[in-house]
Amino acid sequence: MPNTKSQEKRDRQGIKRALKNKALKTRIKSNKKKLAVDVENKNIDAAGADLSLYFKSLDKAAKKSAISKNFVSNKKSKAAKLLNSLKQEK
């Protein structure tokens, strides 16, 4: 139990922020799965479109401090390598 009104408010704010962060992270994961499915099916055009959506969701989450910038750069690099490997095969 919080002892002060300010702590009650901080608790409420923390709950709201946690929900927003969870939504951002869920969007990132779903976009990553879409990209993986397109790469698995060797659909380059759809994979390119999904890659841009994946990058957009990563950047939005980093901007709102839900995830770190280093995490974003790591995931972007791996996704780009995945798509480039698909292009190299053809």
N, C-alpha and C. Protein backbone atom coordinates (compact mmCIF):
# COMPACT_ATOMS: atom_id res chain seq x y z
N MET A 1 0.84 -1.18 0.00
CA MET A 1 0.00 0.00 0.00
C MET A 1 0.89 1.25 0.00
N PRO A 2 0.59 2.16 -0.90
CA PRO A 2 1.36 3.41 -0.91
C PRO A 2 1.00 4.28 0.30
N ASN A 3 2.00 4.98 0.76
CA ASN A 3 1.80 5.82 1.94
C ASN A 3 1.38 7.25 1.59
N THR A 4 1.71 7.70 0.39
CA THR A 4 1.41 9.08 0.02
C THR A 4 0.61 9.13 -1.27
N LYS A 5 -0.02 10.30 -1.49
CA LYS A 5 -0.79 10.47 -2.72
C LYS A 5 0.12 10.44 -3.94
N SER A 6 1.32 10.97 -3.80
CA SER A 6 2.23 10.97 -4.95
C SER A 6 2.62 9.55 -5.34
N GLN A 7 2.78 8.70 -4.36
CA GLN A 7 3.11 7.30 -4.67
C GLN A 7 1.93 6.60 -5.32
N GLU A 8 0.71 6.93 -4.91
CA GLU A 8 -0.48 6.36 -5.56
C GLU A 8 -0.51 6.75 -7.03
N LYS A 9 -0.21 8.01 -7.29
CA LYS A 9 -0.20 8.49 -8.67
C LYS A 9 0.90 7.80 -9.47
N ARG A 10 2.08 7.65 -8.90
CA ARG A 10 3.17 6.96 -9.60
C ARG A 10 2.78 5.52 -9.93
N ASP A 11 2.08 4.88 -9.03
CA ASP A 11 1.63 3.51 -9.27
C ASP A 11 0.65 3.45 -10.45
N ARG A 12 -0.29 4.42 -10.48
CA ARG A 12 -1.25 4.47 -11.59
C ARG A 12 -0.53 4.73 -12.91
N GLN A 13 0.42 5.64 -12.90
CA GLN A 13 1.17 5.95 -14.11
C GLN A 13 1.98 4.74 -14.58
N GLY A 14 2.55 4.03 -13.63
CA GLY A 14 3.34 2.85 -13.98
C GLY A 14 2.51 1.77 -14.65
N ILE A 15 1.29 1.60 -14.18
CA ILE A 15 0.39 0.61 -14.78
C ILE A 15 0.05 1.00 -16.22
N LYS A 16 -0.25 2.29 -16.43
CA LYS A 16 -0.58 2.77 -17.78
C LYS A 16 0.61 2.59 -18.72
N ARG A 17 1.79 2.94 -18.24
CA ARG A 17 2.99 2.83 -19.08
C ARG A 17 3.30 1.38 -19.41
N ALA A 18 3.10 0.50 -18.45
CA ALA A 18 3.36 -0.92 -18.69
C ALA A 18 2.44 -1.46 -19.78
N LEU A 19 1.18 -1.04 -19.77
CA LEU A 19 0.24 -1.47 -20.81
C LEU A 19 0.65 -0.96 -22.19
N LYS A 20 1.06 0.31 -22.25
CA LYS A 20 1.50 0.88 -23.53
C LYS A 20 2.75 0.16 -24.04
N ASN A 21 3.71 -0.09 -23.14
CA ASN A 21 4.93 -0.77 -23.54
C ASN A 21 4.64 -2.19 -24.02
N LYS A 22 3.71 -2.86 -23.35
CA LYS A 22 3.36 -4.22 -23.76
C LYS A 22 2.74 -4.22 -25.15
N ALA A 23 1.90 -3.24 -25.43
CA ALA A 23 1.29 -3.14 -26.76
C ALA A 23 2.34 -2.90 -27.83
N LEU A 24 3.31 -2.04 -27.55
CA LEU A 24 4.38 -1.78 -28.52
C LEU A 24 5.21 -3.03 -28.76
N LYS A 25 5.54 -3.74 -27.70
CA LYS A 25 6.36 -4.95 -27.84
C LYS A 25 5.61 -6.05 -28.56
N THR A 26 4.30 -6.13 -28.34
CA THR A 26 3.49 -7.13 -29.04
C THR A 26 3.46 -6.84 -30.53
N ARG A 27 3.34 -5.55 -30.88
CA ARG A 27 3.33 -5.16 -32.29
C ARG A 27 4.65 -5.52 -32.95
N ILE A 28 5.75 -5.31 -32.24
CA ILE A 28 7.07 -5.66 -32.77
C ILE A 28 7.14 -7.16 -33.05
N LYS A 29 6.69 -7.95 -32.10
CA LYS A 29 6.76 -9.40 -32.27
C LYS A 29 5.89 -9.89 -33.42
N SER A 30 4.71 -9.32 -33.57
CA SER A 30 3.83 -9.75 -34.66
C SER A 30 4.39 -9.35 -36.01
N ASN A 31 5.00 -8.16 -36.10
CA ASN A 31 5.62 -7.74 -37.35
C ASN A 31 6.83 -8.62 -37.68
N LYS A 32 7.56 -9.04 -36.67
CA LYS A 32 8.71 -9.92 -36.88
C LYS A 32 8.25 -11.28 -37.41
N LYS A 33 7.13 -11.78 -36.86
CA LYS A 33 6.61 -13.07 -37.33
C LYS A 33 6.14 -12.99 -38.77
N LYS A 34 5.49 -11.88 -39.15
CA LYS A 34 5.05 -11.70 -40.54
C LYS A 34 6.25 -11.70 -41.47
N LEU A 35 7.31 -11.01 -41.07
CA LEU A 35 8.53 -10.97 -41.88
C LEU A 35 9.13 -12.37 -42.02
N ALA A 36 9.17 -13.12 -40.94
CA ALA A 36 9.74 -14.46 -40.97
C ALA A 36 8.93 -15.38 -41.90
N VAL A 37 7.62 -15.24 -41.89
CA VAL A 37 6.77 -16.07 -42.76
C VAL A 37 7.04 -15.73 -44.22
N ASP A 38 7.16 -14.44 -44.54
CA ASP A 38 7.43 -14.05 -45.92
C ASP A 38 8.80 -14.52 -46.39
N VAL A 39 9.78 -14.47 -45.51
CA VAL A 39 11.12 -14.95 -45.87
C VAL A 39 11.10 -16.46 -46.07
N GLU A 40 10.36 -17.15 -45.21
CA GLU A 40 10.26 -18.60 -45.32
C GLU A 40 9.59 -19.01 -46.64
N ASN A 41 8.59 -18.23 -47.05
CA ASN A 41 7.89 -18.50 -48.31
C ASN A 41 8.61 -17.91 -49.51
N LYS A 42 9.74 -17.23 -49.26
CA LYS A 42 10.57 -16.62 -50.30
C LYS A 42 9.80 -15.60 -51.13
N ASN A 43 8.98 -14.82 -50.47
CA ASN A 43 8.22 -13.75 -51.10
C ASN A 43 8.94 -12.43 -50.83
N ILE A 44 9.79 -12.01 -51.77
CA ILE A 44 10.67 -10.86 -51.56
C ILE A 44 9.88 -9.56 -51.44
N ASP A 45 8.88 -9.37 -52.28
CA ASP A 45 8.13 -8.11 -52.26
C ASP A 45 7.40 -7.90 -50.94
N ALA A 46 6.71 -8.93 -50.49
CA ALA A 46 5.99 -8.83 -49.22
C ALA A 46 6.96 -8.72 -48.05
N ALA A 47 8.10 -9.39 -48.15
CA ALA A 47 9.10 -9.31 -47.08
C ALA A 47 9.67 -7.91 -46.98
N GLY A 48 9.86 -7.24 -48.11
CA GLY A 48 10.35 -5.86 -48.10
C GLY A 48 9.36 -4.93 -47.43
N ALA A 49 8.08 -5.12 -47.72
CA ALA A 49 7.04 -4.29 -47.10
C ALA A 49 6.97 -4.57 -45.60
N ASP A 50 7.05 -5.84 -45.23
CA ASP A 50 7.00 -6.19 -43.81
C ASP A 50 8.25 -5.71 -43.07
N LEU A 51 9.37 -5.67 -43.78
CA LEU A 51 10.60 -5.18 -43.15
C LEU A 51 10.45 -3.71 -42.77
N SER A 52 9.85 -2.92 -43.65
CA SER A 52 9.66 -1.50 -43.32
C SER A 52 8.69 -1.32 -42.15
N LEU A 53 7.64 -2.16 -42.08
CA LEU A 53 6.72 -2.09 -40.95
C LEU A 53 7.42 -2.49 -39.65
N TYR A 54 8.27 -3.50 -39.74
CA TYR A 54 9.03 -3.96 -38.58
C TYR A 54 9.96 -2.86 -38.08
N PHE A 55 10.66 -2.20 -39.01
CA PHE A 55 11.55 -1.10 -38.65
C PHE A 55 10.76 0.03 -38.01
N LYS A 56 9.60 0.33 -38.57
CA LYS A 56 8.77 1.41 -38.05
C LYS A 56 8.33 1.13 -36.62
N SER A 57 7.90 -0.10 -36.37
CA SER A 57 7.45 -0.45 -35.02
C SER A 57 8.62 -0.43 -34.03
N LEU A 58 9.80 -0.86 -34.47
CA LEU A 58 10.98 -0.79 -33.60
C LEU A 58 11.33 0.65 -33.26
N ASP A 59 11.30 1.52 -34.27
CA ASP A 59 11.65 2.92 -34.04
C ASP A 59 10.65 3.61 -33.13
N LYS A 60 9.37 3.30 -33.29
CA LYS A 60 8.36 3.90 -32.42
C LYS A 60 8.56 3.48 -30.97
N ALA A 61 8.84 2.21 -30.76
CA ALA A 61 9.04 1.72 -29.40
C ALA A 61 10.28 2.34 -28.77
N ALA A 62 11.33 2.52 -29.57
CA ALA A 62 12.55 3.14 -29.04
C ALA A 62 12.31 4.61 -28.72
N LYS A 63 11.53 5.27 -29.55
CA LYS A 63 11.24 6.68 -29.32
C LYS A 63 10.48 6.89 -28.02
N LYS A 64 9.62 5.93 -27.68
CA LYS A 64 8.84 6.02 -26.46
C LYS A 64 9.52 5.33 -25.27
N SER A 65 10.77 4.94 -25.46
CA SER A 65 11.61 4.32 -24.42
C SER A 65 11.05 3.00 -23.89
N ALA A 66 10.31 2.29 -24.73
CA ALA A 66 9.84 0.97 -24.33
C ALA A 66 10.97 -0.05 -24.48
N ILE A 67 11.86 0.19 -25.44
CA ILE A 67 13.03 -0.66 -25.66
C ILE A 67 14.24 0.24 -25.91
N SER A 68 15.42 -0.31 -25.79
CA SER A 68 16.63 0.51 -25.93
C SER A 68 17.04 0.64 -27.38
N LYS A 69 17.83 1.65 -27.67
CA LYS A 69 18.30 1.90 -29.04
C LYS A 69 19.23 0.79 -29.51
N ASN A 70 20.01 0.24 -28.60
CA ASN A 70 20.91 -0.85 -28.99
C ASN A 70 20.12 -2.10 -29.38
N PHE A 71 19.03 -2.35 -28.69
CA PHE A 71 18.15 -3.47 -29.04
C PHE A 71 17.59 -3.26 -30.44
N VAL A 72 17.19 -2.03 -30.74
CA VAL A 72 16.63 -1.72 -32.05
C VAL A 72 17.66 -1.94 -33.14
N SER A 73 18.86 -1.43 -32.94
CA SER A 73 19.88 -1.57 -33.98
C SER A 73 20.24 -3.03 -34.19
N ASN A 74 20.27 -3.82 -33.13
CA ASN A 74 20.57 -5.25 -33.24
C ASN A 74 19.48 -5.96 -34.05
N LYS A 75 18.22 -5.68 -33.74
CA LYS A 75 17.12 -6.34 -34.44
C LYS A 75 17.04 -5.90 -35.90
N LYS A 76 17.29 -4.62 -36.17
CA LYS A 76 17.27 -4.13 -37.54
C LYS A 76 18.36 -4.80 -38.37
N SER A 77 19.53 -4.93 -37.79
CA SER A 77 20.64 -5.56 -38.49
C SER A 77 20.32 -7.01 -38.85
N LYS A 78 19.79 -7.75 -37.88
CA LYS A 78 19.46 -9.15 -38.13
C LYS A 78 18.37 -9.30 -39.18
N ALA A 79 17.37 -8.43 -39.15
CA ALA A 79 16.28 -8.50 -40.11
C ALA A 79 16.77 -8.16 -41.52
N ALA A 80 17.64 -7.16 -41.62
CA ALA A 80 18.18 -6.78 -42.92
C ALA A 80 19.03 -7.91 -43.50
N LYS A 81 19.82 -8.56 -42.65
CA LYS A 81 20.63 -9.68 -43.10
C LYS A 81 19.74 -10.83 -43.59
N LEU A 82 18.64 -11.05 -42.90
CA LEU A 82 17.71 -12.10 -43.29
C LEU A 82 17.14 -11.84 -44.68
N LEU A 83 16.72 -10.59 -44.91
CA LEU A 83 16.15 -10.24 -46.20
C LEU A 83 17.22 -10.28 -47.29
N ASN A 84 18.43 -9.82 -46.98
CA ASN A 84 19.50 -9.84 -47.97
C ASN A 84 19.89 -11.27 -48.32
N SER A 85 19.83 -12.18 -47.37
CA SER A 85 20.15 -13.57 -47.67
C SER A 85 19.11 -14.16 -48.64
N LEU A 86 17.88 -13.71 -48.50
CA LEU A 86 16.82 -14.16 -49.41
C LEU A 86 17.08 -13.63 -50.82
N LYS A 87 17.53 -12.39 -50.91
CA LYS A 87 17.83 -11.79 -52.22
C LYS A 87 19.05 -12.45 -52.86
N GLN A 88 20.02 -12.88 -52.04
CA GLN A 88 21.22 -13.52 -52.55
C GLN A 88 20.91 -14.89 -53.16
N GLU A 89 19.90 -15.56 -52.63
CA GLU A 89 19.55 -16.89 -53.12
C GLU A 89 19.03 -16.84 -54.54
N LYS A 90 18.36 -15.76 -54.88
CA LYS A 90 17.75 -15.67 -56.22
C LYS A 90 18.67 -15.11 -57.21
